[in-house]
C-alpha atoms as a PDB file:
ATOM      1  CA  ASN A   1     -92.051 -18.745 242.538  1.00  0.00           C
ATOM      2  CA  LEU A   2     -95.071 -21.096 242.476  1.00  0.00           C
ATOM      3  CA  ASP A   3     -96.778 -18.948 244.965  1.00  0.00           C
ATOM      4  CA  ASP A   4     -97.127 -16.152 242.461  1.00  0.00           C
ATOM      5  CA  ILE A   5     -99.859 -17.937 240.477  1.00  0.00           C
ATOM      6  CA  THR A   6    -103.385 -16.874 240.854  1.00  0.00           C
ATOM      7  CA  PHE A   7    -106.483 -18.834 241.666  1.00  0.00           C
ATOM      8  CA  ARG A   8    -107.903 -17.644 238.342  1.00  0.00           C
ATOM      9  CA  VAL A   9    -104.983 -19.018 236.429  1.00  0.00           C
ATOM     10  CA  LEU A  10    -105.155 -22.398 238.187  1.00  0.00           C
ATOM     11  CA  GLU A  11    -108.898 -22.755 237.380  1.00  0.00           C
ATOM     12  CA  THR A  12    -108.294 -21.905 233.765  1.00  0.00           C
ATOM     13  CA  LEU A  13    -105.560 -24.377 233.422  1.00  0.00           C
ATOM     14  CA  LYS A  14    -107.853 -27.030 234.740  1.00  0.00           C
ATOM     15  CA  GLN A  15    -110.764 -26.075 232.512  1.00  0.00           C
ATOM     16  CA  VAL A  16    -109.195 -25.504 229.084  1.00  0.00           C
ATOM     17  CA  ASP A  17    -108.882 -28.207 226.658  1.00  0.00           C
ATOM     18  CA  LEU A  18    -105.217 -27.739 225.802  1.00  0.00           C
ATOM     19  CA  ILE A  19    -102.131 -25.831 227.255  1.00  0.00           C
ATOM     20  CA  ALA A  20     -99.505 -24.496 224.847  1.00  0.00           C
ATOM     21  CA  ALA A  21     -96.281 -24.451 226.811  1.00  0.00           C
ATOM     22  CA  GLU A  22     -92.916 -22.977 226.077  1.00  0.00           C
ATOM     23  CA  ASP A  23     -91.244 -26.161 227.438  1.00  0.00           C
ATOM     24  CA  THR A  24     -93.521 -29.022 228.370  1.00  0.00           C
ATOM     25  CA  ARG A  25     -90.767 -30.657 230.556  1.00  0.00           C
ATOM     26  CA  HIS A  26     -90.525 -27.468 232.497  1.00  0.00           C
ATOM     27  CA  SER A  27     -94.277 -26.711 232.791  1.00  0.00           C
ATOM     28  CA  ILE A  28     -95.140 -30.278 233.889  1.00  0.00           C
ATOM     29  CA  LYS A  29     -93.546 -29.368 237.203  1.00  0.00           C
ATOM     30  CA  LEU A  30     -96.072 -26.588 237.670  1.00  0.00           C
ATOM     31  CA  LEU A  31     -99.045 -28.692 236.653  1.00  0.00           C
ATOM     32  CA  ASN A  32     -97.985 -31.552 238.906  1.00  0.00           C
ATOM     33  CA  HIS A  33     -97.543 -29.245 241.787  1.00  0.00           C
ATOM     34  CA  PHE A  34    -101.166 -28.078 241.444  1.00  0.00           C
ATOM     35  CA  ASP A  35    -102.571 -31.512 240.411  1.00  0.00           C
ATOM     36  CA  ILE A  36    -103.654 -30.307 236.959  1.00  0.00           C
ATOM     37  CA  HIS A  37    -103.872 -32.916 234.291  1.00  0.00           C
ATOM     38  CA  THR A  38    -104.825 -30.863 231.109  1.00  0.00           C
ATOM     39  CA  PRO A  39    -102.985 -32.116 227.973  1.00  0.00           C
ATOM     40  CA  MET A  40     -99.937 -29.931 226.823  1.00  0.00           C
ATOM     41  CA  THR A  41     -98.402 -29.118 223.508  1.00  0.00           C
ATOM     42  CA  SER A  42     -95.154 -27.366 222.828  1.00  0.00           C
ATOM     43  CA  TYR A  43     -95.158 -23.746 221.625  1.00  0.00           C
ATOM     44  CA  HIS A  44     -91.838 -21.910 221.559  1.00  0.00           C
ATOM     45  CA  GLU A  45     -89.697 -19.416 219.621  1.00  0.00           C
ATOM     46  CA  TYR A  46     -88.578 -21.982 216.870  1.00  0.00           C
ATOM     47  CA  ASN A  47     -92.058 -23.116 215.980  1.00  0.00           C
ATOM     48  CA  LYS A  48     -94.105 -20.136 216.945  1.00  0.00           C
ATOM     49  CA  VAL A  49     -95.478 -19.248 213.401  1.00  0.00           C
ATOM     50  CA  GLU A  50     -96.342 -22.688 212.147  1.00  0.00           C
ATOM     51  CA  LYS A  51     -97.645 -23.945 215.470  1.00  0.00           C
ATOM     52  CA  ALA A  52     -99.728 -20.845 215.981  1.00  0.00           C
ATOM     53  CA  ARG A  53    -101.602 -21.588 212.742  1.00  0.00           C
ATOM     54  CA  VAL A  54    -102.412 -25.108 214.076  1.00  0.00           C
ATOM     55  CA  LEU A  55    -103.550 -23.768 217.495  1.00  0.00           C
ATOM     56  CA  VAL A  56    -105.738 -21.179 215.718  1.00  0.00           C
ATOM     57  CA  GLU A  57    -107.392 -23.987 213.682  1.00  0.00           C
ATOM     58  CA  LYS A  58    -108.070 -25.806 216.971  1.00  0.00           C
ATOM     59  CA  LEU A  59    -109.632 -22.651 218.571  1.00  0.00           C
ATOM     60  CA  LYS A  60    -111.823 -22.262 215.338  1.00  0.00           C
ATOM     61  CA  SER A  61    -113.036 -25.827 216.020  1.00  0.00           C
ATOM     62  CA  GLY A  62    -114.251 -24.799 219.390  1.00  0.00           C
ATOM     63  CA  MET A  63    -111.471 -25.741 221.689  1.00  0.00           C
ATOM     64  CA  ASN A  64    -110.257 -23.513 224.494  1.00  0.00           C
ATOM     65  CA  ILE A  65    -106.407 -22.980 224.811  1.00  0.00           C
ATOM     66  CA  ALA A  66    -104.241 -21.462 227.441  1.00  0.00           C
ATOM     67  CA  CYS A  67    -100.765 -20.268 226.535  1.00  0.00           C
ATOM     68  CA  ILE A  68     -98.021 -20.375 229.265  1.00  0.00           C
ATOM     69  CA  THR A  69     -94.381 -19.574 229.389  1.00  0.00           C
ATOM     70  CA  ASP A  70     -91.344 -20.838 231.468  1.00  0.00           C
ATOM     71  CA  ALA A  71     -91.304 -17.712 233.455  1.00  0.00           C
ATOM     72  CA  GLY A  72     -92.897 -14.290 233.515  1.00  0.00           C
ATOM     73  CA  THR A  73     -95.961 -13.466 231.365  1.00  0.00           C
ATOM     74  CA  PRO A  74     -96.624 -14.969 227.808  1.00  0.00           C
ATOM     75  CA  GLY A  75     -96.544 -12.318 225.135  1.00  0.00           C
ATOM     76  CA  ILE A  76     -93.991 -10.024 226.792  1.00  0.00           C
ATOM     77  CA  SER A  77     -90.706 -10.669 225.119  1.00  0.00           C
ATOM     78  CA  ASP A  78     -92.109 -14.029 224.438  1.00  0.00           C
ATOM     79  CA  PRO A  79     -93.367 -16.104 221.362  1.00  0.00           C
ATOM     80  CA  GLY A  80     -96.928 -15.900 222.663  1.00  0.00           C
ATOM     81  CA  GLU A  81     -96.953 -12.550 220.903  1.00  0.00           C
ATOM     82  CA  GLU A  82     -97.266 -14.239 217.516  1.00  0.00           C
ATOM     83  CA  LEU A  83    -100.146 -16.510 218.768  1.00  0.00           C
ATOM     84  CA  VAL A  84    -102.118 -13.515 220.035  1.00  0.00           C
ATOM     85  CA  ARG A  85    -101.600 -11.736 216.656  1.00  0.00           C
ATOM     86  CA  GLN A  86    -102.875 -14.667 214.643  1.00  0.00           C
ATOM     87  CA  CYS A  87    -105.837 -15.042 216.991  1.00  0.00           C
ATOM     88  CA  CYS A  88    -106.766 -11.382 216.665  1.00  0.00           C
ATOM     89  CA  GLU A  89    -106.471 -11.579 212.871  1.00  0.00           C
ATOM     90  CA  ALA A  90    -108.754 -14.712 212.847  1.00  0.00           C
ATOM     91  CA  GLY A  91    -111.378 -12.928 215.093  1.00  0.00           C
ATOM     92  CA  ILE A  92    -110.753 -15.226 218.083  1.00  0.00           C
ATOM     93  CA  LYS A  93    -111.240 -13.715 221.506  1.00  0.00           C
ATOM     94  CA  VAL A  94    -108.007 -13.439 223.686  1.00  0.00           C
ATOM     95  CA  THR A  95    -107.714 -12.536 227.191  1.00  0.00           C
ATOM     96  CA  ALA A  96    -104.650 -12.164 229.484  1.00  0.00           C
ATOM     97  CA  LEU A  97    -104.650 -13.431 233.079  1.00  0.00           C
ATOM     98  CA  PRO A  98    -102.678 -11.339 235.590  1.00  0.00           C
ATOM     99  CA  GLY A  99     -99.432 -12.706 236.816  1.00  0.00           C
ATOM    100  CA  ALA A 100     -95.802 -11.906 237.497  1.00  0.00           C
ATOM    101  CA  VAL A 101     -94.281  -9.466 235.047  1.00  0.00           C
ATOM    102  CA  ALA A 102     -90.463  -8.916 235.539  1.00  0.00           C
ATOM    103  CA  CYS A 103     -90.327  -5.495 233.911  1.00  0.00           C
ATOM    104  CA  VAL A 104     -93.053  -4.017 236.133  1.00  0.00           C
ATOM    105  CA  THR A 105     -91.800  -5.739 239.309  1.00  0.00           C
ATOM    106  CA  ALA A 106     -88.247  -4.463 238.688  1.00  0.00           C
ATOM    107  CA  LEU A 107     -89.537  -0.891 238.006  1.00  0.00           C
ATOM    108  CA  ILE A 108     -91.478  -0.755 241.327  1.00  0.00           C
ATOM    109  CA  ILE A 109     -88.559  -1.818 243.374  1.00  0.00           C
ATOM    110  CA  SER A 110     -85.906   0.082 241.501  1.00  0.00           C
ATOM    111  CA  GLY A 111     -86.267   3.417 243.421  1.00  0.00           C
ATOM    112  CA  LEU A 112     -86.379   5.229 240.077  1.00  0.00           C
ATOM    113  CA  PRO A 113     -89.306   7.312 238.730  1.00  0.00           C
ATOM    114  CA  THR A 114     -92.178   5.109 237.736  1.00  0.00           C
ATOM    115  CA  ARG A 115     -94.752   7.481 236.170  1.00  0.00           C
ATOM    116  CA  ARG A 116     -93.286   7.405 232.674  1.00  0.00           C
ATOM    117  CA  PHE A 117     -91.245   4.341 231.519  1.00  0.00           C
ATOM    118  CA  CYS A 118     -90.260   2.481 228.327  1.00  0.00           C
ATOM    119  CA  PHE A 119     -89.575  -1.155 227.845  1.00  0.00           C
ATOM    120  CA  GLU A 120     -86.926  -2.374 225.543  1.00  0.00           C
ATOM    121  CA  ALA A 121     -86.805  -6.123 226.579  1.00  0.00           C
ATOM    122  CA  PHE A 122     -83.538  -7.524 225.182  1.00  0.00           C
ATOM    123  CA  LEU A 123     -81.432  -5.406 223.056  1.00  0.00           C
ATOM    124  CA  PRO A 124     -80.578  -6.892 219.602  1.00  0.00           C
ATOM    125  CA  ALA A 125     -77.618  -9.339 219.769  1.00  0.00           C
ATOM    126  CA  GLU A 126     -74.235  -7.542 219.629  1.00  0.00           C
ATOM    127  CA  LYS A 127     -72.724 -10.002 217.118  1.00  0.00           C
ATOM    128  CA  SER A 128     -75.710 -10.884 214.791  1.00  0.00           C
ATOM    129  CA  ASP A 129     -77.383  -7.468 214.735  1.00  0.00           C
ATOM    130  CA  LYS A 130     -74.775  -4.870 215.642  1.00  0.00           C
ATOM    131  CA  LYS A 131     -76.257  -2.049 213.499  1.00  0.00           C
ATOM    132  CA  GLU A 132     -79.736  -2.442 214.962  1.00  0.00           C
ATOM    133  CA  ARG A 133     -78.221  -2.585 218.460  1.00  0.00           C
ATOM    134  CA  GLN A 134     -76.449   0.662 217.843  1.00  0.00           C
ATOM    135  CA  ARG A 135     -79.430   2.359 216.294  1.00  0.00           C
ATOM    136  CA  ILE A 136     -81.595   1.521 219.393  1.00  0.00           C
ATOM    137  CA  LEU A 137     -78.654   2.742 221.715  1.00  0.00           C
ATOM    138  CA  GLU A 138     -78.759   6.098 219.690  1.00  0.00           C
ATOM    139  CA  GLU A 139     -82.580   6.429 220.179  1.00  0.00           C
ATOM    140  CA  LEU A 140     -82.143   5.881 224.007  1.00  0.00           C
ATOM    141  CA  LYS A 141     -79.576   8.655 224.349  1.00  0.00           C
ATOM    142  CA  LYS A 142     -82.365  11.353 224.600  1.00  0.00           C
ATOM    143  CA  GLU A 143     -85.003   9.097 226.279  1.00  0.00           C
ATOM    144  CA  THR A 144     -86.258  11.079 229.388  1.00  0.00           C
ATOM    145  CA  ARG A 145     -88.428   8.166 230.662  1.00  0.00           C
ATOM    146  CA  THR A 146     -87.124   5.364 232.935  1.00  0.00           C
ATOM    147  CA  MET A 147     -85.907   2.584 230.698  1.00  0.00           C
ATOM    148  CA  ILE A 148     -86.165  -1.109 231.363  1.00  0.00           C
ATOM    149  CA  VAL A 149     -83.879  -3.716 229.619  1.00  0.00           C
ATOM    150  CA  TYR A 150     -83.729  -7.549 230.046  1.00  0.00           C
ATOM    151  CA  GLU A 151     -80.368  -9.286 230.021  1.00  0.00           C
ATOM    152  CA  ALA A 152     -78.904 -12.824 230.459  1.00  0.00           C
ATOM    153  CA  PRO A 153     -76.023 -13.088 233.090  1.00  0.00           C
ATOM    154  CA  HIS A 154     -73.498 -14.044 230.479  1.00  0.00           C
ATOM    155  CA  HIS A 155     -74.269 -10.870 228.400  1.00  0.00           C
ATOM    156  CA  LEU A 156     -74.759  -8.465 231.330  1.00  0.00           C
ATOM    157  CA  VAL A 157     -71.312  -6.864 231.345  1.00  0.00           C
ATOM    158  CA  ALA A 158     -71.209  -6.315 227.586  1.00  0.00           C
ATOM    159  CA  THR A 159     -74.713  -4.738 227.679  1.00  0.00           C
ATOM    160  CA  LEU A 160     -73.766  -2.537 230.650  1.00  0.00           C
ATOM    161  CA  GLU A 161     -70.706  -1.403 228.720  1.00  0.00           C
ATOM    162  CA  ASP A 162     -72.670  -0.484 225.691  1.00  0.00           C
ATOM    163  CA  LEU A 163     -75.325   1.365 227.635  1.00  0.00           C
ATOM    164  CA  TYR A 164     -72.660   3.214 229.520  1.00  0.00           C
ATOM    165  CA  GLY A 165     -70.875   4.285 226.382  1.00  0.00           C
ATOM    166  CA  ALA A 166     -74.136   5.566 224.921  1.00  0.00           C
ATOM    167  CA  LEU A 167     -75.997   7.087 227.892  1.00  0.00           C
ATOM    168  CA  GLY A 168     -73.255   8.107 230.132  1.00  0.00           C
ATOM    169  CA  ASN A 169     -73.038   7.305 233.861  1.00  0.00           C
ATOM    170  CA  ARG A 170     -76.546   7.091 234.907  1.00  0.00           C
ATOM    171  CA  LYS A 171     -78.260   5.891 238.053  1.00  0.00           C
ATOM    172  CA  ILE A 172     -79.431   2.162 237.446  1.00  0.00           C
ATOM    173  CA  THR A 173     -80.968  -0.741 239.435  1.00  0.00           C
ATOM    174  CA  ILE A 174     -79.978  -4.194 238.457  1.00  0.00           C
ATOM    175  CA  CYS A 175     -82.668  -6.687 239.655  1.00  0.00           C
ATOM    176  CA  ARG A 176     -81.977 -10.343 239.459  1.00  0.00           C
ATOM    177  CA  GLU A 177     -84.043 -13.565 239.983  1.00  0.00           C
ATOM    178  CA  LEU A 178     -87.283 -11.628 240.499  1.00  0.00           C
ATOM    179  CA  THR A 179     -89.884 -13.356 242.800  1.00  0.00           C
ATOM    180  CA  LYS A 180     -87.408 -16.189 243.461  1.00  0.00           C
ATOM    181  CA  LYS A 181     -85.495 -17.173 246.557  1.00  0.00           C
ATOM    182  CA  PHE A 182     -82.335 -15.152 245.735  1.00  0.00           C
ATOM    183  CA  GLU A 183     -84.195 -11.968 244.487  1.00  0.00           C
ATOM    184  CA  SER A 184     -81.998  -8.798 244.714  1.00  0.00           C
ATOM    185  CA  ALA A 185     -82.199  -5.232 243.534  1.00  0.00           C
ATOM    186  CA  PHE A 186     -78.819  -3.483 243.230  1.00  0.00           C
ATOM    187  CA  GLN A 187     -79.056   0.255 243.289  1.00  0.00           C
ATOM    188  CA  THR A 188     -75.945   1.514 241.531  1.00  0.00           C
ATOM    189  CA  THR A 189     -74.545   3.385 238.508  1.00  0.00           C
ATOM    190  CA  PHE A 190     -73.064   2.066 235.370  1.00  0.00           C
ATOM    191  CA  GLU A 191     -69.506   2.870 236.589  1.00  0.00           C
ATOM    192  CA  GLU A 192     -70.014   1.148 239.930  1.00  0.00           C
ATOM    193  CA  ALA A 193     -71.733  -1.834 238.449  1.00  0.00           C
ATOM    194  CA  LEU A 194     -68.901  -2.537 235.902  1.00  0.00           C
ATOM    195  CA  ALA A 195     -66.390  -2.215 238.674  1.00  0.00           C
ATOM    196  CA  HIS A 196     -68.456  -4.619 240.833  1.00  0.00           C
ATOM    197  CA  TYR A 197     -68.683  -7.224 238.088  1.00  0.00           C
ATOM    198  CA  GLU A 198     -64.895  -7.166 237.604  1.00  0.00           C
ATOM    199  CA  THR A 199     -64.606  -9.265 240.769  1.00  0.00           C
ATOM    200  CA  GLU A 200     -68.101 -11.015 240.831  1.00  0.00           C
ATOM    201  CA  GLU A 201     -69.546 -13.087 238.153  1.00  0.00           C
ATOM    202  CA  PRO A 202     -73.124 -12.020 237.233  1.00  0.00           C
ATOM    203  CA  LYS A 203     -75.802 -14.796 238.031  1.00  0.00           C
ATOM    204  CA  GLY A 204     -79.523 -15.051 237.361  1.00  0.00           C
ATOM    205  CA  GLU A 205     -81.773 -13.534 234.756  1.00  0.00           C
ATOM    206  CA  CYS A 206     -81.356  -9.682 235.070  1.00  0.00           C
ATOM    207  CA  VAL A 207     -83.565  -6.662 234.584  1.00  0.00           C
ATOM    208  CA  ILE A 208     -81.669  -3.342 234.144  1.00  0.00           C
ATOM    209  CA  VAL A 209     -83.760  -0.257 235.218  1.00  0.00           C
ATOM    210  CA  ILE A 210     -82.043   2.894 233.925  1.00  0.00           C
ATOM    211  CA  ALA A 211     -82.759   6.573 234.862  1.00  0.00           C
ATOM    212  CA  GLY A 212     -83.891   8.654 231.942  1.00  0.00           C
ATOM    213  CA  LYS A 213     -81.988  11.825 230.768  1.00  0.00           C
ATOM    214  CA  PRO A 214     -82.976  14.875 232.711  1.00  0.00           C
ATOM    215  CA  VAL A 215     -85.025  17.297 230.748  1.00  0.00           C
ATOM    216  CA  GLU A 216     -82.957  20.202 232.102  1.00  0.00           C
ATOM    217  CA  GLU A 217     -79.993  18.465 230.602  1.00  0.00           C
ATOM    218  CA  ILE A 218     -81.525  18.310 227.221  1.00  0.00           C
ATOM    219  CA  ARG A 219     -82.579  21.915 227.396  1.00  0.00           C
ATOM    220  CA  GLU A 220     -79.023  23.048 228.301  1.00  0.00           C
ATOM    221  CA  GLU A 221     -77.701  21.062 225.363  1.00  0.00           C
ATOM    222  CA  GLU A 222     -80.151  22.738 222.946  1.00  0.00           C
ATOM    223  CA  ILE A 223     -79.137  26.243 224.296  1.00  0.00           C
ATOM    224  CA  ARG A 224     -75.524  25.420 223.852  1.00  0.00           C
ATOM    225  CA  ALA A 225     -76.035  24.096 220.354  1.00  0.00           C
ATOM    226  CA  TRP A 226     -78.076  27.333 219.443  1.00  0.00           C
ATOM    227  CA  GLU A 227     -75.374  29.456 220.851  1.00  0.00           C
END
């Protein structure tokens, strides 16, 4: 949603010397909408290490550079993380401008506890990194904090099945298309969600917010194991 942008971001994008954008074709729509004419360069997952070195050299020469992403916040499950790391190592000052963050937005509207939470972003791919995916699912089994996971619509059902298998039938909220026209928050459980998606194809980028394991349940398990 273009209205999510702040005045501070707009002024910064106008004032910097260069904008590093995840997809310049996508970002030009944003710049044109707000009449911003700052030059852009591409910075994405597939060139993040080499291009970050180039951008750091430009920063050392005195340039000011803004890093933007297609949606959400740069650096959160995003190649901007690498650029920030290299800047910090080079002693270059970095700041983050507030904006929309899907994980926090989803947590707030989930109806689940918000005081303590953990963010897992995207789970490792099921096909290419199955062992790492299983390791993380094992770690999450005893997680008492509210958990937040990102997922693309075409992988949603498989991820729900894996989470259900590991965690049991927890309360969850599936948020989709956050801040956009068709935003929705579906308060449900793993079982109900999987039954729902048998007849309805998932659409839109999703955030899954999952209830943590009750502390009392962990204590009961410990007592049973001791006995």
